[in-house]
Protein backbone atom coordinates (compact mmCIF):
# COMPACT_ATOMS: atom_id res chain seq x y z
CA MET A 1 -51.46 -187.83 -61.43
CA ARG A 2 -50.59 -184.61 -63.25
CA LEU A 3 -52.33 -181.33 -64.00
CA GLN A 4 -51.30 -178.49 -66.31
CA CYS A 5 -52.50 -175.06 -65.26
CA GLU A 6 -51.31 -171.71 -63.97
CA VAL A 7 -50.09 -171.62 -60.36
CA GLU A 8 -49.24 -168.92 -57.88
CA VAL A 9 -47.81 -169.94 -54.50
CA VAL A 10 -48.66 -167.22 -51.98
CA SER A 11 -47.10 -167.14 -48.53
CA ARG A 12 -49.58 -166.28 -45.80
CA LEU A 13 -46.72 -164.69 -43.85
CA LEU A 14 -46.18 -161.98 -46.46
CA PRO A 15 -48.92 -159.62 -45.20
CA THR A 16 -47.26 -159.53 -41.76
CA CYS A 17 -44.12 -158.21 -43.47
CA GLY A 18 -46.03 -155.60 -45.47
CA LEU A 19 -45.64 -157.62 -48.69
CA ARG A 20 -48.16 -159.05 -51.12
CA GLY A 21 -48.13 -161.70 -53.82
CA ARG A 22 -47.90 -160.81 -57.53
CA GLY A 23 -51.50 -161.74 -58.19
CA ARG A 24 -50.54 -163.52 -61.41
CA GLY A 25 -50.14 -167.22 -62.01
CA THR A 26 -47.28 -168.93 -63.84
CA ARG A 27 -47.74 -171.84 -66.20
CA ALA A 28 -46.90 -174.96 -64.23
CA LEU A 29 -47.18 -178.74 -64.03
CA LEU A 30 -48.59 -180.15 -60.79
CA SER A 31 -47.79 -183.76 -59.89
CA LEU A 32 -49.18 -185.88 -57.10
CA GLY A 33 -46.87 -188.77 -56.27
CA ARG A 34 -43.88 -190.11 -54.39
CA PRO A 35 -40.22 -189.22 -54.80
CA PRO A 36 -38.17 -191.75 -56.84
CA GLY A 37 -36.69 -194.58 -54.75
CA ARG A 38 -39.31 -194.50 -51.98
CA ALA A 39 -40.80 -197.78 -50.84
CA ARG A 40 -44.17 -198.60 -52.31
CA GLY A 41 -45.74 -199.97 -49.13
CA GLY A 42 -47.12 -198.10 -46.13
CA GLY A 43 -49.63 -195.34 -45.73
CA GLY A 44 -50.00 -192.05 -47.51
CA GLY A 45 -47.28 -190.20 -45.60
CA GLY A 46 -44.89 -190.34 -48.55
CA VAL A 47 -47.25 -188.54 -50.96
CA TYR A 48 -46.22 -185.08 -52.10
CA LEU A 49 -47.63 -182.31 -54.26
CA MET A 50 -44.91 -181.05 -56.61
CA VAL A 51 -45.08 -177.76 -58.52
CA CYS A 52 -42.79 -177.41 -61.58
CA THR A 53 -42.44 -174.18 -63.56
CA ALA A 54 -40.29 -172.99 -66.46
CA ARG A 55 -37.92 -171.34 -63.96
CA ASP A 56 -37.79 -174.39 -61.70
CA ARG A 57 -38.36 -177.55 -63.72
CA VAL A 58 -37.00 -179.70 -60.83
CA GLY A 59 -39.96 -178.49 -58.81
CA VAL A 60 -40.90 -177.71 -55.21
CA ARG A 61 -42.52 -180.47 -53.12
CA TYR A 62 -45.16 -180.08 -50.44
CA LYS A 63 -46.19 -182.89 -48.11
CA VAL A 64 -49.88 -183.75 -48.46
CA GLN A 65 -51.02 -186.13 -45.67
CA GLU A 66 -52.69 -184.20 -42.84
CA ASN A 67 -51.01 -181.05 -44.11
CA ILE A 68 -53.95 -179.38 -45.90
CA GLU A 69 -55.87 -176.83 -43.92
CA ARG A 70 -58.59 -176.13 -46.47
CA PHE A 71 -59.71 -176.45 -50.11
CA PHE A 72 -61.28 -173.43 -51.82
CA THR A 73 -63.35 -174.75 -54.76
CA ARG A 74 -66.08 -172.15 -55.28
CA PHE A 75 -64.86 -171.39 -58.81
CA VAL A 76 -63.76 -174.90 -59.78
CA GLU A 77 -66.13 -174.86 -62.80
CA GLU A 78 -64.04 -171.95 -64.12
CA GLY A 79 -60.83 -173.92 -63.70
CA LYS A 80 -59.84 -172.16 -60.45
CA ALA A 81 -59.14 -173.52 -56.95
CA THR A 82 -56.83 -172.95 -53.98
CA VAL A 83 -55.16 -175.50 -51.72
CA ARG A 84 -54.18 -174.05 -48.31
CA LEU A 85 -51.25 -175.85 -46.67
CA ARG A 86 -50.35 -175.83 -42.98
CA GLU A 87 -46.60 -176.28 -43.36
CA PRO A 88 -45.24 -174.21 -44.95
CA ALA A 89 -47.98 -171.57 -44.53
CA VAL A 90 -48.75 -171.06 -48.22
CA ASP A 91 -51.76 -171.04 -50.52
CA VAL A 92 -51.31 -172.89 -53.80
CA CYS A 93 -53.61 -170.94 -56.16
CA LEU A 94 -54.59 -172.78 -59.35
CA SER A 95 -56.16 -171.16 -62.42
CA ARG A 96 -56.76 -171.74 -66.13
CA ALA A 97 -57.09 -175.48 -65.61
CA ASN A 98 -59.44 -177.84 -67.39
CA ALA A 99 -62.40 -177.98 -65.01
CA SER A 100 -62.87 -181.76 -65.27
CA ASN A 101 -59.16 -182.49 -64.82
CA LEU A 102 -59.00 -180.06 -61.90
CA LYS A 103 -61.86 -181.82 -60.08
CA ASN A 104 -60.19 -185.22 -60.50
CA PHE A 105 -56.84 -183.86 -59.31
CA LEU A 106 -58.35 -182.22 -56.20
CA SER A 107 -60.19 -185.45 -55.38
CA ALA A 108 -56.91 -187.37 -55.45
CA VAL A 109 -55.19 -184.71 -53.29
CA ARG A 110 -58.07 -184.89 -50.80
CA LEU A 111 -57.74 -188.69 -50.56
CA ALA A 112 -53.98 -188.43 -50.02
CA HIS A 113 -54.56 -185.82 -47.31
CA HIS A 114 -56.86 -188.22 -45.44
CA GLY A 115 -54.26 -191.02 -45.57
CA THR A 116 -55.80 -193.25 -48.22
CA ASP A 117 -53.67 -196.28 -49.07
CA ILE A 118 -51.07 -195.44 -51.72
CA GLY A 119 -52.15 -198.36 -53.87
CA ALA A 120 -55.58 -196.76 -54.32
CA LEU A 121 -54.22 -193.38 -55.42
CA PRO A 122 -53.46 -192.38 -59.03
CA LEU A 123 -49.87 -191.33 -58.32
CA SER A 124 -47.19 -190.13 -60.74
CA ALA A 125 -43.41 -190.22 -60.48
CA LEU A 126 -42.09 -186.94 -59.08
CA VAL A 127 -39.59 -186.20 -61.81
CA PRO A 128 -38.56 -182.83 -63.32
CA ALA A 129 -41.00 -181.48 -65.90
CA LYS A 130 -40.18 -181.30 -69.58
CA THR A 131 -39.72 -177.85 -71.04
CA SER A 132 -42.78 -178.31 -73.28
CA GLU A 133 -44.93 -179.10 -70.22
CA VAL A 134 -44.27 -175.82 -68.41
CA GLU A 135 -43.61 -173.31 -71.17
CA LYS A 136 -46.53 -171.20 -72.33
CA PRO A 137 -47.80 -172.52 -75.68
CA LYS A 138 -46.52 -170.43 -78.55
CA THR A 139 -49.42 -168.83 -80.40
CA LYS A 140 -47.60 -166.45 -82.77
CA MET A 141 -44.65 -166.89 -85.13
CA ILE A 142 -43.38 -164.32 -87.61
CA ILE A 143 -40.81 -165.32 -90.26
CA THR A 144 -39.61 -162.69 -92.74
CA SER A 145 -36.67 -164.33 -94.51
CA ARG A 146 -35.77 -167.63 -96.14
CA ARG A 147 -32.93 -168.37 -93.72
CA ASP A 148 -35.25 -168.12 -90.70
CA TYR A 149 -37.75 -170.60 -92.15
CA PRO A 150 -37.70 -173.89 -90.16
CA LEU A 151 -36.70 -176.80 -92.39
CA THR A 152 -36.11 -179.55 -89.83
CA LYS A 153 -38.40 -178.60 -86.92
CA ASN A 154 -42.18 -178.72 -86.93
CA PHE A 155 -44.26 -175.64 -86.27
CA PRO A 156 -45.75 -175.53 -82.75
CA TYR A 157 -49.24 -177.04 -82.93
CA SER A 158 -50.50 -174.27 -80.64
CA LEU A 159 -49.92 -171.53 -83.28
CA GLU A 160 -52.84 -169.23 -83.93
CA HIS A 161 -50.97 -166.65 -86.04
CA LEU A 162 -48.29 -167.59 -88.58
CA GLN A 163 -46.54 -165.20 -90.93
CA ALA A 164 -44.03 -166.59 -93.43
CA SER A 165 -43.26 -163.74 -95.84
CA TYR A 166 -40.30 -163.24 -98.21
CA CYS A 167 -39.39 -166.94 -97.85
CA LYS A 168 -39.49 -167.77 -101.60
CA LEU A 169 -42.05 -170.51 -100.99
CA ALA A 170 -43.25 -172.15 -104.22
CA ARG A 171 -46.04 -174.03 -102.45
CA ILE A 172 -47.76 -174.10 -99.08
CA ASP A 173 -45.88 -176.25 -96.57
CA THR A 174 -47.91 -179.33 -95.60
CA ARG A 175 -46.78 -178.81 -91.99
CA VAL A 176 -48.74 -175.53 -91.97
CA LEU A 177 -51.89 -177.43 -92.91
CA CYS A 178 -51.65 -179.42 -89.65
CA LEU A 179 -52.01 -176.29 -87.48
CA LYS A 180 -55.67 -176.74 -86.57
CA LYS A 181 -55.75 -173.74 -84.20
CA LEU A 182 -54.53 -171.31 -86.84
CA ARG A 183 -56.65 -168.17 -87.09
CA LYS A 184 -54.37 -165.94 -89.14
CA LEU A 185 -52.12 -167.14 -91.97
CA ASP A 186 -49.90 -164.66 -93.81
CA LEU A 187 -47.98 -166.09 -96.77
CA SER A 188 -47.51 -162.81 -98.62
CA HIS A 189 -44.49 -162.04 -100.81
CA ASN A 190 -43.75 -165.61 -101.89
CA HIS A 191 -43.86 -167.59 -105.15
CA ILE A 192 -46.94 -169.73 -104.49
CA LYS A 193 -48.72 -170.80 -107.70
CA GLN A 194 -51.49 -173.03 -106.40
CA LEU A 195 -53.53 -173.44 -103.23
CA PRO A 196 -54.12 -176.96 -101.90
CA ALA A 197 -57.73 -177.85 -101.12
CA THR A 198 -56.58 -178.95 -97.65
CA ILE A 199 -56.40 -175.29 -96.58
CA GLY A 200 -60.11 -175.81 -96.05
CA ASP A 201 -59.25 -178.17 -93.18
CA LEU A 202 -58.04 -175.19 -91.11
CA VAL A 203 -61.40 -174.88 -89.39
CA CYS A 204 -60.49 -171.78 -87.31
CA LEU A 205 -58.90 -169.76 -90.14
CA GLN A 206 -60.26 -166.20 -90.17
CA GLU A 207 -57.56 -164.30 -92.07
CA LEU A 208 -55.66 -165.47 -95.17
CA ASN A 209 -53.09 -163.17 -96.75
CA LEU A 210 -51.66 -164.27 -100.12
CA HIS A 211 -50.58 -160.84 -101.37
CA ASP A 212 -47.80 -160.81 -103.95
CA ASN A 213 -47.64 -164.43 -105.09
CA HIS A 214 -48.04 -166.20 -108.45
CA LEU A 215 -51.59 -167.48 -108.05
CA GLU A 216 -53.62 -167.95 -111.24
CA THR A 217 -56.71 -169.57 -109.73
CA PHE A 218 -58.70 -169.85 -106.51
CA SER A 219 -60.27 -173.30 -106.49
CA GLY A 220 -63.97 -173.95 -106.02
CA ALA A 221 -63.10 -176.71 -103.52
CA LEU A 222 -61.82 -174.06 -101.11
CA CYS A 223 -65.11 -172.20 -101.43
CA ASN A 224 -67.01 -175.36 -100.49
CA SER A 225 -64.83 -176.09 -97.44
CA THR A 226 -65.14 -174.99 -93.80
CA LEU A 227 -63.79 -171.60 -94.90
CA GLN A 228 -67.44 -170.79 -95.67
CA LYS A 229 -68.04 -170.43 -91.92
CA SER A 230 -64.73 -168.96 -90.73
CA LEU A 231 -62.92 -166.82 -93.33
CA GLN A 232 -63.41 -163.07 -92.78
CA PHE A 233 -60.31 -161.48 -94.37
CA LEU A 234 -58.85 -162.53 -97.73
CA ASP A 235 -56.04 -160.78 -99.56
CA LEU A 236 -55.40 -162.06 -103.09
CA SER A 237 -53.90 -158.83 -104.39
CA GLN A 238 -50.89 -158.71 -106.72
CA ASN A 239 -51.29 -162.16 -108.25
CA LYS A 240 -52.12 -163.38 -111.77
CA MET A 241 -55.79 -164.33 -111.51
CA LYS A 242 -58.14 -163.70 -114.41
CA ALA A 243 -61.36 -164.87 -112.77
CA LEU A 244 -62.80 -166.24 -109.56
CA PRO A 245 -65.04 -169.33 -109.50
CA SER A 246 -68.80 -169.01 -109.19
CA GLU A 247 -68.54 -170.85 -105.85
CA PHE A 248 -66.48 -167.96 -104.47
CA CYS A 249 -69.63 -166.24 -103.21
CA ARG A 250 -70.22 -169.10 -100.78
CA LEU A 251 -67.59 -167.51 -98.54
CA ARG A 252 -70.46 -165.67 -96.89
CA GLU A 253 -68.52 -164.55 -93.78
CA LEU A 254 -66.06 -162.41 -95.76
CA VAL A 255 -65.79 -158.87 -94.42
CA HIS A 256 -62.60 -157.66 -96.09
CA LEU A 257 -61.63 -158.71 -99.66
CA LYS A 258 -58.59 -157.42 -101.58
CA LEU A 259 -58.22 -158.27 -105.28
CA ASP A 260 -55.99 -155.40 -106.45
CA ASP A 261 -53.35 -155.77 -109.17
CA ASN A 262 -54.55 -158.98 -110.80
CA GLU A 263 -55.78 -159.64 -114.34
CA LEU A 264 -59.45 -160.05 -113.48
CA ILE A 265 -61.79 -159.68 -116.44
CA ARG A 266 -64.90 -160.25 -114.31
CA LEU A 267 -66.06 -160.45 -110.71
CA PRO A 268 -68.07 -163.41 -109.37
CA PHE A 269 -71.58 -163.52 -110.84
CA LYS A 270 -73.39 -163.79 -107.47
CA MET A 271 -71.35 -161.06 -105.77
CA GLY A 272 -74.41 -159.82 -103.91
CA GLN A 273 -74.48 -162.98 -101.77
CA LEU A 274 -71.50 -161.66 -99.80
CA ASP A 275 -73.82 -159.86 -97.41
CA HIS A 276 -71.17 -159.45 -94.68
CA LEU A 277 -68.68 -157.81 -97.06
CA ARG A 278 -67.79 -154.26 -96.00
CA PHE A 279 -64.38 -153.55 -97.59
CA LEU A 280 -63.72 -154.40 -101.24
CA SER A 281 -60.79 -153.35 -103.40
CA ALA A 282 -60.26 -154.58 -106.95
CA ALA A 283 -58.15 -151.73 -108.32
CA ARG A 284 -55.91 -152.05 -111.37
CA ASN A 285 -57.54 -155.08 -112.96
CA LYS A 286 -59.13 -155.52 -116.40
CA LEU A 287 -62.81 -155.24 -115.50
CA PRO A 288 -64.98 -153.98 -118.39
CA PHE A 289 -68.13 -153.89 -116.23
CA LEU A 290 -69.61 -155.09 -112.92
CA PRO A 291 -71.99 -158.04 -112.45
CA SER A 292 -75.68 -157.27 -112.01
CA ASP A 293 -75.63 -158.70 -108.47
CA PHE A 294 -73.15 -155.98 -107.48
CA ARG A 295 -76.11 -153.71 -106.73
CA LYS A 296 -76.97 -155.80 -103.64
CA LEU A 297 -73.72 -155.06 -101.81
CA CYS A 298 -73.62 -152.77 -98.79
CA LEU A 299 -70.01 -151.61 -98.36
CA GLU A 300 -68.16 -149.15 -96.20
CA ASN A 301 -65.22 -148.77 -98.58
CA LEU A 302 -64.89 -149.55 -102.30
CA ASP A 303 -61.87 -149.15 -104.56
CA LEU A 304 -62.15 -149.92 -108.30
CA PHE A 305 -59.57 -147.43 -109.55
CA GLY A 306 -57.67 -148.20 -112.73
CA ASN A 307 -60.06 -150.61 -114.46
CA PRO A 308 -60.81 -150.18 -118.21
CA PHE A 309 -64.57 -149.84 -117.75
CA GLU A 310 -66.53 -149.73 -120.99
CA GLN A 311 -68.85 -146.88 -121.83
CA PRO A 312 -72.38 -148.26 -121.29
CA ASN A 313 -74.95 -147.96 -124.07
CA PRO A 314 -78.44 -149.26 -123.18
CA LEU A 315 -79.54 -148.69 -126.80
CA VAL A 316 -77.20 -151.41 -128.09
CA PRO A 317 -78.37 -154.61 -126.41
CA ASN A 318 -76.81 -158.05 -126.57
CA ILE A 319 -79.84 -160.17 -127.56
CA GLN A 320 -79.66 -163.84 -126.59
CA LEU A 321 -83.43 -164.21 -126.51
CA LYS A 322 -84.90 -167.32 -128.13
CA ILE A 323 -88.59 -167.16 -129.11
CA PRO A 324 -90.39 -169.34 -128.40
CA LEU A 325 -88.54 -170.33 -125.24
CA THR A 326 -87.10 -173.83 -125.17
CA LEU A 327 -88.62 -176.38 -122.81
CA LEU A 328 -85.36 -176.38 -120.83
CA GLU A 329 -85.52 -172.59 -120.40
CA CYS A 330 -89.18 -172.72 -119.29
CA ALA A 331 -88.43 -175.48 -116.76
CA ALA A 332 -85.37 -173.67 -115.44
CA ARG A 333 -87.24 -170.38 -115.02
CA ALA A 334 -90.09 -172.13 -113.20
CA THR A 335 -87.65 -173.94 -110.90
CA VAL A 336 -85.95 -170.70 -109.84
CA ASN A 337 -89.05 -168.48 -109.75
CA HIS A 338 -91.06 -170.93 -107.63
CA ARG A 339 -88.04 -171.95 -105.53
CA ILE A 340 -88.50 -175.61 -106.31
CA PRO A 341 -85.85 -177.69 -104.50
CA TYR A 342 -83.29 -179.42 -106.71
CA GLY A 343 -79.93 -181.11 -106.41
CA CYS A 344 -77.53 -183.53 -108.08
CA HIS A 345 -79.67 -186.41 -106.83
CA LEU A 346 -82.51 -185.10 -109.02
CA LEU A 347 -80.81 -183.33 -111.94
CA PRO A 348 -77.54 -183.72 -113.87
CA SER A 349 -74.75 -181.72 -112.20
CA HIS A 350 -74.32 -179.38 -115.20
CA LEU A 351 -77.97 -178.33 -114.94
CA CYS A 352 -77.56 -177.65 -111.22
CA GLU A 353 -74.55 -175.46 -112.00
CA ASP A 354 -76.58 -173.53 -114.62
CA LEU A 355 -79.43 -172.98 -112.15
CA GLU A 356 -76.95 -171.67 -109.56
CA VAL A 357 -75.99 -168.84 -111.91
CA ALA A 358 -79.47 -168.01 -113.21
CA LYS A 359 -79.81 -164.34 -114.14
CA THR A 360 -82.42 -162.04 -112.64
CA CYS A 361 -84.50 -159.73 -114.80
CA GLN A 362 -85.43 -156.19 -113.71
CA CYS A 363 -88.95 -157.54 -113.09
CA GLY A 364 -87.59 -160.08 -110.58
CA SER A 365 -88.07 -163.15 -112.77
CA ALA A 366 -85.27 -165.56 -113.63
CA CYS A 367 -83.71 -166.30 -117.00
CA LEU A 368 -81.08 -168.87 -117.88
CA SER A 369 -79.70 -168.82 -121.42
CA SER A 370 -82.44 -166.76 -123.10
CA PHE A 371 -82.17 -163.07 -122.22
CA ILE A 372 -81.38 -159.54 -123.34
CA GLN A 373 -78.23 -158.01 -121.83
CA ILE A 374 -77.21 -154.36 -121.60
CA THR A 375 -74.88 -152.28 -119.47
CA VAL A 376 -76.03 -149.19 -117.60
CA THR A 377 -74.26 -146.62 -115.46
CA MET A 378 -74.37 -147.00 -111.68
CA ASN A 379 -73.14 -144.50 -109.14
CA LEU A 380 -70.97 -146.53 -106.78
CA HIS A 381 -72.16 -144.49 -103.80
CA HIS A 382 -75.36 -146.55 -104.05
CA VAL A 383 -73.43 -149.56 -102.70
CA ALA A 384 -70.59 -147.99 -100.70
CA HIS A 385 -70.23 -145.18 -98.17
CA THR A 386 -66.67 -144.32 -99.25
CA VAL A 387 -65.67 -144.71 -102.91
CA VAL A 388 -62.16 -144.30 -104.29
CA LEU A 389 -62.35 -142.45 -107.61
CA VAL A 390 -62.75 -144.80 -110.55
CA ASP A 391 -60.48 -142.70 -112.78
CA ASN A 392 -58.32 -139.59 -112.77
CA MET A 393 -61.30 -137.49 -113.90
CA GLY A 394 -63.02 -137.72 -110.52
CA GLY A 395 -65.66 -140.24 -111.53
CA THR A 396 -67.51 -142.49 -109.11
CA GLU A 397 -69.64 -144.27 -111.72
CA ALA A 398 -69.14 -147.65 -113.35
CA PRO A 399 -71.04 -149.82 -115.85
CA VAL A 400 -73.13 -152.67 -114.46
CA ILE A 401 -74.86 -155.45 -116.39
CA CYS A 402 -78.65 -155.63 -116.61
CA TYR A 403 -80.67 -158.61 -117.81
CA PHE A 404 -84.19 -158.80 -119.23
CA CYS A 405 -86.21 -161.98 -119.53
CA SER A 406 -88.40 -160.73 -122.40
CA LEU A 407 -88.87 -158.01 -125.01
CA ASP A 408 -91.64 -156.49 -122.89
CA CYS A 409 -89.31 -155.98 -119.91
CA TYR A 410 -86.63 -154.43 -122.12
CA SER A 411 -89.19 -152.16 -123.84
CA GLN A 412 -90.47 -150.87 -120.49
CA PHE A 413 -86.92 -150.13 -119.36
CA LEU A 414 -86.14 -148.39 -122.66
CA ASP A 415 -89.21 -146.16 -122.35
CA ARG A 416 -88.15 -145.01 -118.87
CA TYR A 417 -84.57 -144.49 -120.01
CA LEU A 418 -85.57 -142.35 -123.02
CA GLN A 419 -87.93 -140.26 -120.89
CA ARG A 420 -85.17 -139.52 -118.36
CA ASN A 421 -82.75 -138.51 -121.11
CA ALA A 422 -85.22 -136.61 -123.28
């Protein structure tokens, strides 16, 4: 029987010499068994507890039968226990063990101590441990050049942080997609053109850095994956993206989003759904205006410098209003306004997609394809505590889209606007 945990062997004679143990455990493999070549018959006298570490893979053996003075198991549920031996006078302190495995191992040691027949014990061969069994699992790997990138060896499955920058990668290595414990993935400064949907299988991924690549799209499949619940940091800066999918705003856990130095001509329509977002930078893109939902954001830092924002003119509306409203428009407005449940099992998928991006009038009502659209000026301090200047003239204002579901709503807005500017 074997158990992986951290072990510290403390001599009880040390205090008499004025010495103390380190107080820290070392990753080890504990084995309960018999030395190779021993006869199988007889009692439990040939059973030993062997402790193997990275420094001593051959291991140190301690006789078990009638050689245990006491078991300390008060914290066994936390993966901790101590086995006190009579000869030599040491305490074998175990920690960071799986609680269930630790209980089973201690039960077997207790049986061996009492002389239980060897045939009834779950014994293992007392052989030297493999390096992988006693080395601390590698959780971080940083690669910053092509020649250091592993081509023949797999990445350690224990990795939680992987950086592979300046490696001239044209695609994401499928071996990376098998690292289920990965929390931080940095693939910046490569030549990646497309993201596989299987990135969404990295269920623990919190940070994804794709700065300085050749990305043109960010797929909707990724936005519908487990990244919705885990992803908090996303850097897509310095790529070649012109737009983000409407599903992008399903990444509701995002806190930090970087979109600088792309070719974005618009931001996601439902931007306001990113209610955890606190840091947003989309500098040096091609944004003419901001989506209406942008008003709902609550940011700590916002950077939109270097975008060719248009000069808003509320007196020149874009009228898409159809009077009378079509039956489809009436039904769509009623569905959204009354929050009537819908889905692909009830409606064609294209109608569901249209309803997902329904526009909201200033009066709070919905409109689908029949509306009046204008752009108005918004001071960015309304949505962010710290704002990087929009231009070299010291401005902190940007145009934002407004929608109106009817002529009445637009007329009421126009009256207020003219009174303020009279």
